[in-house]
Each structure stands twice: as structure tokens, then as C-alpha cells.
């Protein structure tokens, strides 16, 4: 399993665009219905800081996400938006959970 946490802060003006771009990724992933990808994004109380929490069965599943047209659009527009804080990507390790994750 590969698990990632990514967090960053957009401008207040770009936050709604970012939310729409993330919704595009989710829609494409739902259509794809890949069993090895679990993807979620959270918005912090300030309304402009995002936290992505993604789990992948393997590296190939992660490559599926990053190859999506919706992900490429999200990534390109995010970097061009004038971020307040750049993305910080952390590889995380599962300690315990109430639900099944990838082995």
C-alpha cells in the first residue's frame, strides 16, 4: 500500500476553482471505478487550505490517478494560481484503522 497526505493553501479567490477541479477528479475516479484507489480531499476551516488523503494499492494505482485528464488540469491550474503555501507531500504509514485498507 502507498498512502499520501498532501496539504497546501490556495488564495481565497482560487479555492472554489480548486474545489471544482477536485470534484472533476472524483467524478473521473468514480467512472473509472479502480479498486486500488481511495481518494479524498478535505477543506480546513479557513476555507482555503486543502488536505488530500490518498491510498493506493500499489505504485501503478498512483500512476493511474496522476495520468487522469482531470488530475492534470487540477495540477496545472493549482500551480498557476499563486498559492499561499506550496503543497507538502508526506508518505504516511498506517498504524491502525476501523476499516480495511490495502495490504
C-alpha atoms as a PDB file:
ATOM      1  CA  UNK A   1       0.000   0.000   0.000  1.00  0.00           C
ATOM      2  CA  UNK A   2       1.041   3.574  -0.678  1.00  0.00           C
ATOM      3  CA  UNK A   3      -0.623   6.305   1.397  1.00  0.00           C
ATOM      4  CA  UNK A   4      -0.104  10.031   0.944  1.00  0.00           C
ATOM      5  CA  UNK A   5      -1.152  13.196   2.705  1.00  0.00           C
ATOM      6  CA  UNK A   6      -0.783  16.433   0.776  1.00  0.00           C
ATOM      7  CA  UNK A   7      -1.675  19.845   2.168  1.00  0.00           C
ATOM      8  CA  UNK A   8      -1.433  23.375   0.795  1.00  0.00           C
ATOM      9  CA  UNK A   9      -3.170  26.734   0.954  1.00  0.00           C
ATOM     10  CA  UNK A  10      -4.670  28.458  -2.069  1.00  0.00           C
ATOM     11  CA  UNK A  11      -5.816  32.052  -2.267  1.00  0.00           C
ATOM     12  CA  UNK A  12      -9.399  32.659  -1.145  1.00  0.00           C
ATOM     13  CA  UNK A  13     -10.305  33.551  -4.741  1.00  0.00           C
ATOM     14  CA  UNK A  14      -8.928  30.290  -6.160  1.00  0.00           C
ATOM     15  CA  UNK A  15     -10.406  27.975  -3.508  1.00  0.00           C
ATOM     16  CA  UNK A  16     -13.769  27.493  -5.334  1.00  0.00           C
ATOM     17  CA  UNK A  17     -11.936  26.690  -8.589  1.00  0.00           C
ATOM     18  CA  UNK A  18      -9.771  24.189  -6.749  1.00  0.00           C
ATOM     19  CA  UNK A  19     -12.858  22.565  -5.248  1.00  0.00           C
ATOM     20  CA  UNK A  20     -14.400  22.253  -8.721  1.00  0.00           C
ATOM     21  CA  UNK A  21     -11.192  20.736 -10.101  1.00  0.00           C
ATOM     22  CA  UNK A  22     -11.094  18.222  -7.243  1.00  0.00           C
ATOM     23  CA  UNK A  23     -14.729  17.327  -7.936  1.00  0.00           C
ATOM     24  CA  UNK A  24     -13.663  16.630 -11.531  1.00  0.00           C
ATOM     25  CA  UNK A  25     -11.034  14.181 -10.306  1.00  0.00           C
ATOM     26  CA  UNK A  26     -13.554  12.456  -8.042  1.00  0.00           C
ATOM     27  CA  UNK A  27     -16.058  12.167 -10.893  1.00  0.00           C
ATOM     28  CA  UNK A  28     -13.446  10.656 -13.205  1.00  0.00           C
ATOM     29  CA  UNK A  29     -12.310   8.224 -10.499  1.00  0.00           C
ATOM     30  CA  UNK A  30     -15.912   7.176  -9.842  1.00  0.00           C
ATOM     31  CA  UNK A  31     -16.376   6.488 -13.570  1.00  0.00           C
ATOM     32  CA  UNK A  32     -13.120   4.545 -13.670  1.00  0.00           C
ATOM     33  CA  UNK A  33     -14.067   2.567 -10.528  1.00  0.00           C
ATOM     34  CA  UNK A  34     -10.475   1.448  -9.952  1.00  0.00           C
ATOM     35  CA  UNK A  35     -10.436  -0.927  -6.956  1.00  0.00           C
ATOM     36  CA  UNK A  36      -6.909   0.106  -5.943  1.00  0.00           C
ATOM     37  CA  UNK A  37      -7.542   3.826  -5.401  1.00  0.00           C
ATOM     38  CA  UNK A  38      -9.101   5.559  -2.391  1.00  0.00           C
ATOM     39  CA  UNK A  39      -9.098   9.338  -2.788  1.00  0.00           C
ATOM     40  CA  UNK A  40     -10.425  12.057  -0.505  1.00  0.00           C
ATOM     41  CA  UNK A  41      -9.853  15.758  -0.048  1.00  0.00           C
ATOM     42  CA  UNK A  42     -10.744  17.884   2.961  1.00  0.00           C
ATOM     43  CA  UNK A  43     -11.117  21.640   3.333  1.00  0.00           C
ATOM     44  CA  UNK A  44      -9.871  23.193   6.568  1.00  0.00           C
ATOM     45  CA  UNK A  45     -11.902  25.819   8.456  1.00  0.00           C
ATOM     46  CA  UNK A  46     -10.071  28.755   6.835  1.00  0.00           C
ATOM     47  CA  UNK A  47     -11.808  27.839   3.543  1.00  0.00           C
ATOM     48  CA  UNK A  48      -8.611  27.790   1.504  1.00  0.00           C
ATOM     49  CA  UNK A  49      -6.339  25.108   2.995  1.00  0.00           C
ATOM     50  CA  UNK A  50      -6.793  21.684   1.457  1.00  0.00           C
ATOM     51  CA  UNK A  51      -5.679  18.280   2.687  1.00  0.00           C
ATOM     52  CA  UNK A  52      -5.672  15.320   0.304  1.00  0.00           C
ATOM     53  CA  UNK A  53      -5.585  11.860   1.829  1.00  0.00           C
ATOM     54  CA  UNK A  54      -4.988   9.178  -0.784  1.00  0.00           C
ATOM     55  CA  UNK A  55      -4.439   5.459  -0.529  1.00  0.00           C
ATOM     56  CA  UNK A  56      -3.233   3.272  -3.365  1.00  0.00           C
ATOM     57  CA  UNK A  57      -2.933  -0.471  -3.630  1.00  0.00           C
ATOM     58  CA  UNK A  58       0.431  -0.017  -5.362  1.00  0.00           C
ATOM     59  CA  UNK A  59       2.506   2.449  -7.383  1.00  0.00           C
ATOM     60  CA  UNK A  60       0.645   1.569 -10.587  1.00  0.00           C
ATOM     61  CA  UNK A  61      -2.638   2.697  -9.000  1.00  0.00           C
ATOM     62  CA  UNK A  62      -1.000   6.009  -8.066  1.00  0.00           C
ATOM     63  CA  UNK A  63       0.129   6.376 -11.679  1.00  0.00           C
ATOM     64  CA  UNK A  64      -3.497   5.900 -12.797  1.00  0.00           C
ATOM     65  CA  UNK A  65      -4.547   8.893 -10.697  1.00  0.00           C
ATOM     66  CA  UNK A  66      -1.780  11.181 -11.919  1.00  0.00           C
ATOM     67  CA  UNK A  67      -2.448  10.252 -15.569  1.00  0.00           C
ATOM     68  CA  UNK A  68      -6.115  11.322 -15.474  1.00  0.00           C
ATOM     69  CA  UNK A  69      -7.010  14.368 -17.589  1.00  0.00           C
ATOM     70  CA  UNK A  70      -8.856  15.842 -14.606  1.00  0.00           C
ATOM     71  CA  UNK A  71      -5.785  15.438 -12.372  1.00  0.00           C
ATOM     72  CA  UNK A  72      -3.529  17.092 -14.947  1.00  0.00           C
ATOM     73  CA  UNK A  73      -5.959  20.041 -15.195  1.00  0.00           C
ATOM     74  CA  UNK A  74      -6.118  20.317 -11.385  1.00  0.00           C
ATOM     75  CA  UNK A  75      -2.317  20.188 -11.050  1.00  0.00           C
ATOM     76  CA  UNK A  76      -1.642  22.732 -13.792  1.00  0.00           C
ATOM     77  CA  UNK A  77      -4.210  25.240 -12.534  1.00  0.00           C
ATOM     78  CA  UNK A  78      -3.146  24.793  -8.908  1.00  0.00           C
ATOM     79  CA  UNK A  79       0.492  25.640  -9.633  1.00  0.00           C
ATOM     80  CA  UNK A  80      -0.524  28.618 -11.812  1.00  0.00           C
ATOM     81  CA  UNK A  81      -2.898  30.012  -9.162  1.00  0.00           C
ATOM     82  CA  UNK A  82      -0.418  31.801  -6.911  1.00  0.00           C
ATOM     83  CA  UNK A  83      -0.527  29.512  -3.890  1.00  0.00           C
ATOM     84  CA  UNK A  84      -0.180  30.973  -0.405  1.00  0.00           C
ATOM     85  CA  UNK A  85       1.690  27.833   0.698  1.00  0.00           C
ATOM     86  CA  UNK A  86       3.050  25.216  -1.685  1.00  0.00           C
ATOM     87  CA  UNK A  87       1.982  21.581  -1.408  1.00  0.00           C
ATOM     88  CA  UNK A  88       3.714  19.426   1.181  1.00  0.00           C
ATOM     89  CA  UNK A  89       3.575  15.721   0.290  1.00  0.00           C
ATOM     90  CA  UNK A  90       4.056  13.176   3.046  1.00  0.00           C
ATOM     91  CA  UNK A  91       4.231   9.413   2.702  1.00  0.00           C
ATOM     92  CA  UNK A  92       2.370   8.032   5.700  1.00  0.00           C
ATOM     93  CA  UNK A  93       2.196   4.585   7.299  1.00  0.00           C
ATOM     94  CA  UNK A  94      -0.976   3.023   8.652  1.00  0.00           C
ATOM     95  CA  UNK A  95      -0.828   2.099  12.332  1.00  0.00           C
ATOM     96  CA  UNK A  96      -4.443   1.009  12.932  1.00  0.00           C
ATOM     97  CA  UNK A  97      -7.883   1.539  11.423  1.00  0.00           C
ATOM     98  CA  UNK A  98     -11.527   0.580  11.836  1.00  0.00           C
ATOM     99  CA  UNK A  99     -11.826  -0.261   8.149  1.00  0.00           C
ATOM    100  CA  UNK A 100      -9.984  -2.415   5.614  1.00  0.00           C
ATOM    101  CA  UNK A 101      -7.170  -0.814   3.657  1.00  0.00           C
ATOM    102  CA  UNK A 102      -4.819  -2.198   1.051  1.00  0.00           C
ATOM    103  CA  UNK A 103      -2.203  -4.623   2.359  1.00  0.00           C
END
